[in-house]
Amino acid sequence: MSIIGKVLRGTGKAIKWTLILGALLIVVGIVAVIVSLGSAGSKSEKSSKQVNPAQFHALKMGTPESRVRHLFGKPERTDATEVSGYKQTCWYYGILAQSGSYQFCFNGKNRLEVKNRY
């Protein structure tokens, strides 16, 4: 076998292994993207599953906002209302069509004063 034949055969093996390694890296990249998307999806659904009926009923009026945030995480939605100097901020958790929706409203002193389950 000539030197050119040996070089070409060696080059062919190198190309084959390069292609195999490249394909393997692409598969690993796709798996990493799928895992990260799944993780992001479960994080976005997290607040809808964080509040359960037992926790809801155990939560006492006057509980600080910080404690509610610690227990249930970031609310899915918030709104604030101020009428004649009285301020109230409400946090919402959960999706009504799933396991229920929870509302926690805090007064101007950041203390729980209203809670509802829908």
PDB file of N, CA and C in Angstrom:
ATOM      1  N   MET A   1       0.853  -1.163   0.000  1.00  0.00           N
ATOM      2  CA  MET A   1       0.000   0.000   0.000  1.00  0.00           C
ATOM      3  C   MET A   1       0.900   1.228   0.000  1.00  0.00           C
ATOM      4  N   SER A   2       0.519   2.190  -0.804  1.00  0.00           N
ATOM      5  CA  SER A   2       1.316   3.404  -0.931  1.00  0.00           C
ATOM      6  C   SER A   2       1.099   4.312   0.268  1.00  0.00           C
ATOM      7  N   ILE A   3       1.977   5.257   0.389  1.00  0.00           N
ATOM      8  CA  ILE A   3       1.892   6.230   1.489  1.00  0.00           C
ATOM      9  C   ILE A   3       0.596   7.035   1.386  1.00  0.00           C
ATOM     10  N   ILE A   4       0.200   7.391   0.181  1.00  0.00           N
ATOM     11  CA  ILE A   4      -1.037   8.164  -0.013  1.00  0.00           C
ATOM     12  C   ILE A   4      -2.236   7.343   0.457  1.00  0.00           C
ATOM     13  N   GLY A   5      -2.264   6.057   0.172  1.00  0.00           N
ATOM     14  CA  GLY A   5      -3.364   5.184   0.604  1.00  0.00           C
ATOM     15  C   GLY A   5      -3.439   5.116   2.117  1.00  0.00           C
ATOM     16  N   LYS A   6      -2.273   5.003   2.786  1.00  0.00           N
ATOM     17  CA  LYS A   6      -2.247   4.953   4.252  1.00  0.00           C
ATOM     18  C   LYS A   6      -2.757   6.272   4.846  1.00  0.00           C
ATOM     19  N   VAL A   7      -2.344   7.396   4.268  1.00  0.00           N
ATOM     20  CA  VAL A   7      -2.765   8.705   4.758  1.00  0.00           C
ATOM     21  C   VAL A   7      -4.274   8.859   4.599  1.00  0.00           C
ATOM     22  N   LEU A   8      -4.777   8.456   3.429  1.00  0.00           N
ATOM     23  CA  LEU A   8      -6.217   8.585   3.195  1.00  0.00           C
ATOM     24  C   LEU A   8      -7.015   7.691   4.140  1.00  0.00           C
ATOM     25  N   ARG A   9      -6.532   6.474   4.375  1.00  0.00           N
ATOM     26  CA  ARG A   9      -7.231   5.578   5.288  1.00  0.00           C
ATOM     27  C   ARG A   9      -7.188   6.133   6.710  1.00  0.00           C
ATOM     28  N   GLY A  10      -6.066   6.687   7.136  1.00  0.00           N
ATOM     29  CA  GLY A  10      -5.959   7.308   8.460  1.00  0.00           C
ATOM     30  C   GLY A  10      -6.842   8.536   8.560  1.00  0.00           C
ATOM     31  N   THR A  11      -6.905   9.303   7.502  1.00  0.00           N
ATOM     32  CA  THR A  11      -7.763  10.485   7.477  1.00  0.00           C
ATOM     33  C   THR A  11      -9.225  10.065   7.555  1.00  0.00           C
ATOM     34  N   GLY A  12      -9.594   8.998   6.889  1.00  0.00           N
ATOM     35  CA  GLY A  12     -10.965   8.494   6.925  1.00  0.00           C
ATOM     36  C   GLY A  12     -11.376   8.097   8.328  1.00  0.00           C
ATOM     37  N   LYS A  13     -10.469   7.455   9.069  1.00  0.00           N
ATOM     38  CA  LYS A  13     -10.763   7.088  10.456  1.00  0.00           C
ATOM     39  C   LYS A  13     -10.928   8.332  11.323  1.00  0.00           C
ATOM     40  N   ALA A  14     -10.069   9.322  11.100  1.00  0.00           N
ATOM     41  CA  ALA A  14     -10.157  10.553  11.880  1.00  0.00           C
ATOM     42  C   ALA A  14     -11.476  11.263  11.604  1.00  0.00           C
ATOM     43  N   ILE A  15     -11.884  11.295  10.344  1.00  0.00           N
ATOM     44  CA  ILE A  15     -13.155  11.930   9.990  1.00  0.00           C
ATOM     45  C   ILE A  15     -14.310  11.172  10.630  1.00  0.00           C
ATOM     46  N   LYS A  16     -14.263   9.835  10.575  1.00  0.00           N
ATOM     47  CA  LYS A  16     -15.324   9.014  11.156  1.00  0.00           C
ATOM     48  C   LYS A  16     -15.455   9.306  12.650  1.00  0.00           C
ATOM     49  N   TRP A  17     -14.351   9.346  13.374  1.00  0.00           N
ATOM     50  CA  TRP A  17     -14.408   9.598  14.816  1.00  0.00           C
ATOM     51  C   TRP A  17     -14.821  11.038  15.120  1.00  0.00           C
ATOM     52  N   THR A  18     -14.426  11.963  14.273  1.00  0.00           N
ATOM     53  CA  THR A  18     -14.845  13.350  14.442  1.00  0.00           C
ATOM     54  C   THR A  18     -16.356  13.469  14.277  1.00  0.00           C
ATOM     55  N   LEU A  19     -16.903  12.777  13.274  1.00  0.00           N
ATOM     56  CA  LEU A  19     -18.347  12.793  13.059  1.00  0.00           C
ATOM     57  C   LEU A  19     -19.093  12.145  14.229  1.00  0.00           C
ATOM     58  N   ILE A  20     -18.577  11.030  14.724  1.00  0.00           N
ATOM     59  CA  ILE A  20     -19.204  10.358  15.864  1.00  0.00           C
ATOM     60  C   ILE A  20     -19.184  11.270  17.093  1.00  0.00           C
ATOM     61  N   LEU A  21     -18.044  11.886  17.360  1.00  0.00           N
ATOM     62  CA  LEU A  21     -17.924  12.790  18.503  1.00  0.00           C
ATOM     63  C   LEU A  21     -18.839  13.993  18.333  1.00  0.00           C
ATOM     64  N   GLY A  22     -18.891  14.549  17.130  1.00  0.00           N
ATOM     65  CA  GLY A  22     -19.782  15.691  16.864  1.00  0.00           C
ATOM     66  C   GLY A  22     -21.244  15.332  17.086  1.00  0.00           C
ATOM     67  N   ALA A  23     -21.666  14.165  16.605  1.00  0.00           N
ATOM     68  CA  ALA A  23     -23.047  13.713  16.794  1.00  0.00           C
ATOM     69  C   ALA A  23     -23.349  13.520  18.269  1.00  0.00           C
ATOM     70  N   LEU A  24     -22.407  12.952  18.981  1.00  0.00           N
ATOM     71  CA  LEU A  24     -22.585  12.746  20.421  1.00  0.00           C
ATOM     72  C   LEU A  24     -22.736  14.086  21.150  1.00  0.00           C
ATOM     73  N   LEU A  25     -21.934  15.072  20.799  1.00  0.00           N
ATOM     74  CA  LEU A  25     -22.042  16.396  21.412  1.00  0.00           C
ATOM     75  C   LEU A  25     -23.389  17.052  21.103  1.00  0.00           C
ATOM     76  N   ILE A  26     -23.882  16.862  19.890  1.00  0.00           N
ATOM     77  CA  ILE A  26     -25.189  17.412  19.520  1.00  0.00           C
ATOM     78  C   ILE A  26     -26.289  16.761  20.358  1.00  0.00           C
ATOM     79  N   VAL A  27     -26.227  15.448  20.530  1.00  0.00           N
ATOM     80  CA  VAL A  27     -27.225  14.741  21.338  1.00  0.00           C
ATOM     81  C   VAL A  27     -27.174  15.231  22.786  1.00  0.00           C
ATOM     82  N   VAL A  28     -25.976  15.377  23.338  1.00  0.00           N
ATOM     83  CA  VAL A  28     -25.840  15.869  24.714  1.00  0.00           C
ATOM     84  C   VAL A  28     -26.413  17.283  24.823  1.00  0.00           C
ATOM     85  N   GLY A  29     -26.161  18.121  23.839  1.00  0.00           N
ATOM     86  CA  GLY A  29     -26.705  19.483  23.843  1.00  0.00           C
ATOM     87  C   GLY A  29     -28.225  19.487  23.802  1.00  0.00           C
ATOM     88  N   ILE A  30     -28.814  18.636  22.972  1.00  0.00           N
ATOM     89  CA  ILE A  30     -30.273  18.551  22.884  1.00  0.00           C
ATOM     90  C   ILE A  30     -30.864  18.083  24.208  1.00  0.00           C
ATOM     91  N   VAL A  31     -30.250  17.082  24.817  1.00  0.00           N
ATOM     92  CA  VAL A  31     -30.727  16.592  26.114  1.00  0.00           C
ATOM     93  C   VAL A  31     -30.638  17.703  27.164  1.00  0.00           C
ATOM     94  N   ALA A  32     -29.552  18.467  27.166  1.00  0.00           N
ATOM     95  CA  ALA A  32     -29.397  19.563  28.136  1.00  0.00           C
ATOM     96  C   ALA A  32     -30.489  20.614  27.937  1.00  0.00           C
ATOM     97  N   VAL A  33     -30.821  20.938  26.700  1.00  0.00           N
ATOM     98  CA  VAL A  33     -31.876  21.918  26.426  1.00  0.00           C
ATOM     99  C   VAL A  33     -33.226  21.394  26.909  1.00  0.00           C
ATOM    100  N   ILE A  34     -33.510  20.135  26.648  1.00  0.00           N
ATOM    101  CA  ILE A  34     -34.781  19.542  27.074  1.00  0.00           C
ATOM    102  C   ILE A  34     -34.892  19.551  28.589  1.00  0.00           C
ATOM    103  N   VAL A  35     -33.821  19.190  29.271  1.00  0.00           N
ATOM    104  CA  VAL A  35     -33.832  19.189  30.736  1.00  0.00           C
ATOM    105  C   VAL A  35     -34.036  20.598  31.277  1.00  0.00           C
ATOM    106  N   SER A  36     -33.360  21.587  30.703  1.00  0.00           N
ATOM    107  CA  SER A  36     -33.519  22.953  31.194  1.00  0.00           C
ATOM    108  C   SER A  36     -34.913  23.490  30.904  1.00  0.00           C
ATOM    109  N   LEU A  37     -35.509  23.136  29.778  1.00  0.00           N
ATOM    110  CA  LEU A  37     -36.883  23.555  29.484  1.00  0.00           C
ATOM    111  C   LEU A  37     -37.862  22.899  30.443  1.00  0.00           C
ATOM    112  N   GLY A  38     -37.641  21.643  30.762  1.00  0.00           N
ATOM    113  CA  GLY A  38     -38.493  20.956  31.736  1.00  0.00           C
ATOM    114  C   GLY A  38     -38.373  21.590  33.101  1.00  0.00           C
ATOM    115  N   SER A  39     -37.175  21.967  33.465  1.00  0.00           N
ATOM    116  CA  SER A  39     -36.956  22.636  34.745  1.00  0.00           C
ATOM    117  C   SER A  39     -37.652  23.988  34.779  1.00  0.00           C
ATOM    118  N   ALA A  40     -37.585  24.734  33.694  1.00  0.00           N
ATOM    119  CA  ALA A  40     -38.251  26.040  33.631  1.00  0.00           C
ATOM    120  C   ALA A  40     -39.755  25.866  33.709  1.00  0.00           C
ATOM    121  N   GLY A  41     -40.287  24.840  33.049  1.00  0.00           N
ATOM    122  CA  GLY A  41     -41.715  24.582  33.107  1.00  0.00           C
ATOM    123  C   GLY A  41     -42.177  24.234  34.494  1.00  0.00           C
ATOM    124  N   SER A  42     -41.401  23.421  35.206  1.00  0.00           N
ATOM    125  CA  SER A  42     -41.823  23.059  36.556  1.00  0.00           C
ATOM    126  C   SER A  42     -41.702  24.248  37.501  1.00  0.00           C
ATOM    127  N   LYS A  43     -40.766  25.161  37.248  1.00  0.00           N
ATOM    128  CA  LYS A  43     -40.663  26.361  38.073  1.00  0.00           C
ATOM    129  C   LYS A  43     -41.846  27.279  37.841  1.00  0.00           C
ATOM    130  N   SER A  44     -42.295  27.374  36.588  1.00  0.00           N
ATOM    131  CA  SER A  44     -43.420  28.256  36.325  1.00  0.00           C
ATOM    132  C   SER A  44     -44.709  27.706  36.915  1.00  0.00           C
ATOM    133  N   GLU A  45     -44.813  26.385  37.058  1.00  0.00           N
ATOM    134  CA  GLU A  45     -45.991  25.783  37.652  1.00  0.00           C
ATOM    135  C   GLU A  45     -45.868  25.661  39.164  1.00  0.00           C
ATOM    136  N   LYS A  46     -44.701  25.983  39.678  1.00  0.00           N
ATOM    137  CA  LYS A  46     -44.440  25.761  41.093  1.00  0.00           C
ATOM    138  C   LYS A  46     -45.424  26.476  41.993  1.00  0.00           C
ATOM    139  N   SER A  47     -45.709  27.745  41.741  1.00  0.00           N
ATOM    140  CA  SER A  47     -46.568  28.479  42.653  1.00  0.00           C
ATOM    141  C   SER A  47     -47.980  27.916  42.677  1.00  0.00           C
ATOM    142  N   SER A  48     -48.451  27.315  41.568  1.00  0.00           N
ATOM    143  CA  SER A  48     -49.798  26.766  41.561  1.00  0.00           C
ATOM    144  C   SER A  48     -49.897  25.516  42.417  1.00  0.00           C
ATOM    145  N   LYS A  49     -48.784  24.910  42.739  1.00  0.00           N
ATOM    146  CA  LYS A  49     -48.801  23.694  43.532  1.00  0.00           C
ATOM    147  C   LYS A  49     -48.262  23.901  44.942  1.00  0.00           C
ATOM    148  N   GLN A  50     -47.819  25.099  45.260  1.00  0.00           N
ATOM    149  CA  GLN A  50     -47.194  25.322  46.553  1.00  0.00           C
ATOM    150  C   GLN A  50     -48.184  25.445  47.692  1.00  0.00           C
ATOM    151  N   VAL A  51     -49.356  25.970  47.429  1.00  0.00           N
ATOM    152  CA  VAL A  51     -50.334  26.185  48.490  1.00  0.00           C
ATOM    153  C   VAL A  51     -51.253  24.975  48.524  1.00  0.00           C
ATOM    154  N   ASN A  52     -51.328  24.341  49.668  1.00  0.00           N
ATOM    155  CA  ASN A  52     -52.299  23.262  49.811  1.00  0.00           C
ATOM    156  C   ASN A  52     -53.335  23.682  50.851  1.00  0.00           C
ATOM    157  N   PRO A  53     -54.503  23.042  50.857  1.00  0.00           N
ATOM    158  CA  PRO A  53     -55.572  23.463  51.765  1.00  0.00           C
ATOM    159  C   PRO A  53     -55.161  23.503  53.236  1.00  0.00           C
ATOM    160  N   ALA A  54     -54.358  22.548  53.684  1.00  0.00           N
ATOM    161  CA  ALA A  54     -53.938  22.527  55.098  1.00  0.00           C
ATOM    162  C   ALA A  54     -53.092  23.762  55.426  1.00  0.00           C
ATOM    163  N   GLN A  55     -52.155  24.103  54.542  1.00  0.00           N
ATOM    164  CA  GLN A  55     -51.324  25.285  54.764  1.00  0.00           C
ATOM    165  C   GLN A  55     -52.182  26.549  54.739  1.00  0.00           C
ATOM    166  N   PHE A  56     -53.126  26.594  53.808  1.00  0.00           N
ATOM    167  CA  PHE A  56     -54.003  27.753  53.690  1.00  0.00           C
ATOM    168  C   PHE A  56     -54.779  27.971  54.983  1.00  0.00           C
ATOM    169  N   HIS A  57     -55.376  26.909  55.515  1.00  0.00           N
ATOM    170  CA  HIS A  57     -56.177  27.048  56.731  1.00  0.00           C
ATOM    171  C   HIS A  57     -55.324  27.352  57.964  1.00  0.00           C
ATOM    172  N   ALA A  58     -54.077  26.867  57.978  1.00  0.00           N
ATOM    173  CA  ALA A  58     -53.194  27.092  59.129  1.00  0.00           C
ATOM    174  C   ALA A  58     -52.643  28.521  59.183  1.00  0.00           C
ATOM    175  N   LEU A  59     -52.651  29.210  58.060  1.00  0.00           N
ATOM    176  CA  LEU A  59     -52.098  30.562  58.002  1.00  0.00           C
ATOM    177  C   LEU A  59     -53.009  31.528  58.754  1.00  0.00           C
ATOM    178  N   LYS A  60     -52.461  32.198  59.737  1.00  0.00           N
ATOM    179  CA  LYS A  60     -53.230  33.091  60.624  1.00  0.00           C
ATOM    180  C   LYS A  60     -53.218  34.527  60.114  1.00  0.00           C
ATOM    181  N   MET A  61     -54.284  35.228  60.420  1.00  0.00           N
ATOM    182  CA  MET A  61     -54.348  36.654  60.111  1.00  0.00           C
ATOM    183  C   MET A  61     -53.230  37.367  60.879  1.00  0.00           C
ATOM    184  N   GLY A  62     -52.635  38.366  60.264  1.00  0.00           N
ATOM    185  CA  GLY A  62     -51.533  39.092  60.892  1.00  0.00           C
ATOM    186  C   GLY A  62     -50.165  38.547  60.524  1.00  0.00           C
ATOM    187  N   THR A  63     -50.131  37.431  59.792  1.00  0.00           N
ATOM    188  CA  THR A  63     -48.849  36.868  59.356  1.00  0.00           C
ATOM    189  C   THR A  63     -48.152  37.871  58.439  1.00  0.00           C
ATOM    190  N   PRO A  64     -46.846  38.106  58.627  1.00  0.00           N
ATOM    191  CA  PRO A  64     -46.124  39.057  57.768  1.00  0.00           C
ATOM    192  C   PRO A  64     -46.007  38.553  56.318  1.00  0.00           C
ATOM    193  N   GLU A  65     -45.944  39.486  55.379  1.00  0.00           N
ATOM    194  CA  GLU A  65     -45.733  39.155  53.966  1.00  0.00           C
ATOM    195  C   GLU A  65     -44.517  38.255  53.785  1.00  0.00           C
ATOM    196  N   SER A  66     -43.444  38.569  54.509  1.00  0.00           N
ATOM    197  CA  SER A  66     -42.197  37.810  54.353  1.00  0.00           C
ATOM    198  C   SER A  66     -42.395  36.332  54.684  1.00  0.00           C
ATOM    199  N   ARG A  67     -43.239  36.038  55.663  1.00  0.00           N
ATOM    200  CA  ARG A  67     -43.505  34.637  56.036  1.00  0.00           C
ATOM    201  C   ARG A  67     -44.299  33.927  54.940  1.00  0.00           C
ATOM    202  N   VAL A  68     -45.281  34.618  54.378  1.00  0.00           N
ATOM    203  CA  VAL A  68     -46.076  34.033  53.293  1.00  0.00           C
ATOM    204  C   VAL A  68     -45.175  33.774  52.091  1.00  0.00           C
ATOM    205  N   ARG A  69     -44.300  34.727  51.769  1.00  0.00           N
ATOM    206  CA  ARG A  69     -43.365  34.553  50.648  1.00  0.00           C
ATOM    207  C   ARG A  69     -42.444  33.370  50.901  1.00  0.00           C
ATOM    208  N   HIS A  70     -41.977  33.226  52.138  1.00  0.00           N
ATOM    209  CA  HIS A  70     -41.103  32.114  52.494  1.00  0.00           C
ATOM    210  C   HIS A  70     -41.831  30.775  52.319  1.00  0.00           C
ATOM    211  N   LEU A  71     -43.085  30.715  52.730  1.00  0.00           N
ATOM    212  CA  LEU A  71     -43.859  29.471  52.653  1.00  0.00           C
ATOM    213  C   LEU A  71     -44.228  29.091  51.224  1.00  0.00           C
ATOM    214  N   PHE A  72     -44.649  30.075  50.425  1.00  0.00           N
ATOM    215  CA  PHE A  72     -45.239  29.764  49.123  1.00  0.00           C
ATOM    216  C   PHE A  72     -44.465  30.276  47.924  1.00  0.00           C
ATOM    217  N   GLY A  73     -43.420  31.039  48.145  1.00  0.00           N
ATOM    218  CA  GLY A  73     -42.631  31.545  47.027  1.00  0.00           C
ATOM    219  C   GLY A  73     -43.264  32.762  46.385  1.00  0.00           C
ATOM    220  N   LYS A  74     -42.779  33.084  45.220  1.00  0.00           N
ATOM    221  CA  LYS A  74     -43.243  34.262  44.493  1.00  0.00           C
ATOM    222  C   LYS A  74     -44.662  34.013  43.983  1.00  0.00           C
ATOM    223  N   PRO A  75     -45.575  34.960  44.197  1.00  0.00           N
ATOM    224  CA  PRO A  75     -46.936  34.781  43.694  1.00  0.00           C
ATOM    225  C   PRO A  75     -46.989  34.852  42.173  1.00  0.00           C
ATOM    226  N   GLU A  76     -47.999  34.203  41.597  1.00  0.00           N
ATOM    227  CA  GLU A  76     -48.170  34.260  40.148  1.00  0.00           C
ATOM    228  C   GLU A  76     -48.582  35.645  39.695  1.00  0.00           C
ATOM    229  N   ARG A  77     -49.356  36.315  40.536  1.00  0.00           N
ATOM    230  CA  ARG A  77     -49.870  37.632  40.168  1.00  0.00           C
ATOM    231  C   ARG A  77     -50.069  38.443  41.438  1.00  0.00           C
ATOM    232  N   THR A  78     -49.904  39.744  41.334  1.00  0.00           N
ATOM    233  CA  THR A  78     -50.157  40.643  42.466  1.00  0.00           C
ATOM    234  C   THR A  78     -50.960  41.839  41.978  1.00  0.00           C
ATOM    235  N   ASP A  79     -51.671  42.473  42.894  1.00  0.00           N
ATOM    236  CA  ASP A  79     -52.267  43.765  42.592  1.00  0.00           C
ATOM    237  C   ASP A  79     -52.319  44.595  43.864  1.00  0.00           C
ATOM    238  N   ALA A  80     -52.304  45.891  43.689  1.00  0.00           N
ATOM    239  CA  ALA A  80     -52.314  46.812  44.827  1.00  0.00           C
ATOM    240  C   ALA A  80     -53.424  47.827  44.625  1.00  0.00           C
ATOM    241  N   THR A  81     -54.092  48.138  45.723  1.00  0.00           N
ATOM    242  CA  THR A  81     -55.187  49.109  45.693  1.00  0.00           C
ATOM    243  C   THR A  81     -54.976  50.104  46.823  1.00  0.00           C
ATOM    244  N   GLU A  82     -55.248  51.369  46.525  1.00  0.00           N
ATOM    245  CA  GLU A  82     -55.192  52.385  47.577  1.00  0.00           C
ATOM    246  C   GLU A  82     -56.428  53.264  47.437  1.00  0.00           C
ATOM    247  N   VAL A  83     -57.207  53.333  48.517  1.00  0.00           N
ATOM    248  CA  VAL A  83     -58.426  54.138  48.543  1.00  0.00           C
ATOM    249  C   VAL A  83     -58.396  54.987  49.801  1.00  0.00           C
ATOM    250  N   SER A  84     -58.486  56.270  49.637  1.00  0.00           N
ATOM    251  CA  SER A  84     -58.503  57.221  50.757  1.00  0.00           C
ATOM    252  C   SER A  84     -57.388  56.957  51.766  1.00  0.00           C
ATOM    253  N   GLY A  85     -56.202  56.679  51.251  1.00  0.00           N
ATOM    254  CA  GLY A  85     -55.056  56.461  52.125  1.00  0.00           C
ATOM    255  C   GLY A  85     -54.922  55.041  52.659  1.00  0.00           C
ATOM    256  N   TYR A  86     -55.938  54.181  52.420  1.00  0.00           N
ATOM    257  CA  TYR A  86     -55.854  52.786  52.868  1.00  0.00           C
ATOM    258  C   TYR A  86     -55.277  51.959  51.731  1.00  0.00           C
ATOM    259  N   LYS A  87     -54.188  51.258  52.020  1.00  0.00           N
ATOM    260  CA  LYS A  87     -53.491  50.480  51.013  1.00  0.00           C
ATOM    261  C   LYS A  87     -53.651  48.992  51.280  1.00  0.00           C
ATOM    262  N   GLN A  88     -53.908  48.224  50.211  1.00  0.00           N
ATOM    263  CA  GLN A  88     -53.992  46.766  50.325  1.00  0.00           C
ATOM    264  C   GLN A  88     -53.320  46.152  49.101  1.00  0.00           C
ATOM    265  N   THR A  89     -52.468  45.166  49.355  1.00  0.00           N
ATOM    266  CA  THR A  89     -51.786  44.442  48.291  1.00  0.00           C
ATOM    267  C   THR A  89     -52.223  42.989  48.357  1.00  0.00           C
ATOM    268  N   CYS A  90     -52.621  42.433  47.199  1.00  0.00           N
ATOM    269  CA  CYS A  90     -53.073  41.039  47.156  1.00  0.00           C
ATOM    270  C   CYS A  90     -52.136  40.209  46.290  1.00  0.00           C
ATOM    271  N   TRP A  91     -51.862  39.004  46.768  1.00  0.00           N
ATOM    272  CA  TRP A  91     -51.046  38.040  46.039  1.00  0.00           C
ATOM    273  C   TRP A  91     -51.925  36.876  45.650  1.00  0.00           C
ATOM    274  N   TYR A  92     -51.690  36.333  44.457  1.00  0.00           N
ATOM    275  CA  TYR A  92     -52.498  35.222  43.942  1.00  0.00           C
ATOM    276  C   TYR A  92     -51.597  34.043  43.589  1.00  0.00           C
ATOM    277  N   TYR A  93     -52.037  32.872  44.024  1.00  0.00           N
ATOM    278  CA  TYR A  93     -51.326  31.617  43.745  1.00  0.00           C
ATOM    279  C   TYR A  93     -52.303  30.627  43.146  1.00  0.00           C
ATOM    280  N   GLY A  94     -51.823  29.823  42.222  1.00  0.00           N
ATOM    281  CA  GLY A  94     -52.638  28.742  41.680  1.00  0.00           C
ATOM    282  C   GLY A  94     -53.469  29.168  40.496  1.00  0.00           C
ATOM    283  N   ILE A  95     -53.958  28.152  39.803  1.00  0.00           N
ATOM    284  CA  ILE A  95     -54.798  28.356  38.639  1.00  0.00           C
ATOM    285  C   ILE A  95     -56.160  27.783  38.969  1.00  0.00           C
ATOM    286  N   LEU A  96     -57.179  28.556  38.797  1.00  0.00           N
ATOM    287  CA  LEU A  96     -58.525  28.173  39.201  1.00  0.00           C
ATOM    288  C   LEU A  96     -58.949  26.828  38.618  1.00  0.00           C
ATOM    289  N   ALA A  97     -58.613  26.544  37.378  1.00  0.00           N
ATOM    290  CA  ALA A  97     -59.049  25.312  36.733  1.00  0.00           C
ATOM    291  C   ALA A  97     -58.320  24.080  37.256  1.00  0.00           C
ATOM    292  N   GLN A  98     -57.229  24.276  37.970  1.00  0.00           N
ATOM    293  CA  GLN A  98     -56.486  23.119  38.468  1.00  0.00           C
ATOM    294  C   GLN A  98     -56.905  22.828  39.907  1.00  0.00           C
ATOM    295  N   SER A  99     -56.036  23.036  40.851  1.00  0.00           N
ATOM    296  CA  SER A  99     -56.306  22.653  42.243  1.00  0.00           C
ATOM    297  C   SER A  99     -56.919  23.772  43.061  1.00  0.00           C
ATOM    298  N   GLY A 100     -57.207  24.881  42.470  1.00  0.00           N
ATOM    299  CA  GLY A 100     -57.771  26.004  43.205  1.00  0.00           C
ATOM    300  C   GLY A 100     -56.861  27.202  43.117  1.00  0.00           C
ATOM    301  N   SER A 101     -57.426  28.334  43.386  1.00  0.00           N
ATOM    302  CA  SER A 101     -56.677  29.578  43.369  1.00  0.00           C
ATOM    303  C   SER A 101     -56.738  30.186  44.762  1.00  0.00           C
ATOM    304  N   TYR A 102     -55.620  30.720  45.206  1.00  0.00           N
ATOM    305  CA  TYR A 102     -55.529  31.275  46.554  1.00  0.00           C
ATOM    306  C   TYR A 102     -55.194  32.756  46.473  1.00  0.00           C
ATOM    307  N   GLN A 103     -55.835  33.533  47.324  1.00  0.00           N
ATOM    308  CA  GLN A 103     -55.606  34.971  47.394  1.00  0.00           C
ATOM    309  C   GLN A 103     -55.204  35.320  48.828  1.00  0.00           C
ATOM    310  N   PHE A 104     -54.121  36.092  48.957  1.00  0.00           N
ATOM    311  CA  PHE A 104     -53.670  36.596  50.253  1.00  0.00           C
ATOM    312  C   PHE A 104     -53.534  38.101  50.121  1.00  0.00           C
ATOM    313  N   CYS A 105     -54.252  38.855  50.962  1.00  0.00           N
ATOM    314  CA  CYS A 105     -54.193  40.311  50.905  1.00  0.00           C
ATOM    315  C   CYS A 105     -53.565  40.853  52.187  1.00  0.00           C
ATOM    316  N   PHE A 106     -52.712  41.840  52.002  1.00  0.00           N
ATOM    317  CA  PHE A 106     -51.957  42.424  53.107  1.00  0.00           C
ATOM    318  C   PHE A 106     -52.316  43.895  53.248  1.00  0.00           C
ATOM    319  N   ASN A 107     -52.335  44.359  54.491  1.00  0.00           N
ATOM    320  CA  ASN A 107     -52.623  45.777  54.760  1.00  0.00           C
ATOM    321  C   ASN A 107     -51.357  46.612  54.567  1.00  0.00           C
ATOM    322  N   GLY A 108     -51.456  47.883  54.831  1.00  0.00           N
ATOM    323  CA  GLY A 108     -50.330  48.803  54.669  1.00  0.00           C
ATOM    324  C   GLY A 108     -49.145  48.497  55.570  1.00  0.00           C
ATOM    325  N   LYS A 109     -49.375  47.687  56.591  1.00  0.00           N
ATOM    326  CA  LYS A 109     -48.277  47.295  57.493  1.00  0.00           C
ATOM    327  C   LYS A 109     -47.697  45.936  57.106  1.00  0.00           C
ATOM    328  N   ASN A 110     -48.033  45.465  55.884  1.00  0.00           N
ATOM    329  CA  ASN A 110     -47.509  44.210  55.344  1.00  0.00           C
ATOM    330  C   ASN A 110     -47.911  42.992  56.176  1.00  0.00           C
ATOM    331  N   ARG A 111     -49.109  43.035  56.718  1.00  0.00           N
ATOM    332  CA  ARG A 111     -49.639  41.910  57.517  1.00  0.00           C
ATOM    333  C   ARG A 111     -50.874  41.328  56.815  1.00  0.00           C
ATOM    334  N   LEU A 112     -51.007  40.005  56.853  1.00  0.00           N
ATOM    335  CA  LEU A 112     -52.129  39.328  56.216  1.00  0.00           C
ATOM    336  C   LEU A 112     -53.439  39.748  56.887  1.00  0.00           C
ATOM    337  N   GLU A 113     -54.396  40.215  56.066  1.00  0.00           N
ATOM    338  CA  GLU A 113     -55.686  40.589  56.627  1.00  0.00           C
ATOM    339  C   GLU A 113     -56.863  39.920  55.920  1.00  0.00           C
ATOM    340  N   VAL A 114     -56.631  39.351  54.733  1.00  0.00           N
ATOM    341  CA  VAL A 114     -57.689  38.644  54.001  1.00  0.00           C
ATOM    342  C   VAL A 114     -57.054  37.455  53.311  1.00  0.00           C
ATOM    343  N   LYS A 115     -57.740  36.318  53.361  1.00  0.00           N
ATOM    344  CA  LYS A 115     -57.309  35.159  52.576  1.00  0.00           C
ATOM    345  C   LYS A 115     -58.555  34.476  52.033  1.00  0.00           C
ATOM    346  N   ASN A 116     -58.459  34.072  50.773  1.00  0.00           N
ATOM    347  CA  ASN A 116     -59.573  33.421  50.093  1.00  0.00           C
ATOM    348  C   ASN A 116     -59.082  32.266  49.258  1.00  0.00           C
ATOM    349  N   ARG A 117     -59.942  31.269  49.118  1.00  0.00           N
ATOM    350  CA  ARG A 117     -59.667  30.155  48.200  1.00  0.00           C
ATOM    351  C   ARG A 117     -60.818  30.086  47.237  1.00  0.00           C
ATOM    352  N   TYR A 118     -60.496  30.040  45.958  1.00  0.00           N
ATOM    353  CA  TYR A 118     -61.526  29.979  44.924  1.00  0.00           C
ATOM    354  C   TYR A 118     -61.505  28.640  44.232  1.00  0.00           C
TER     355      TYR A 118
END
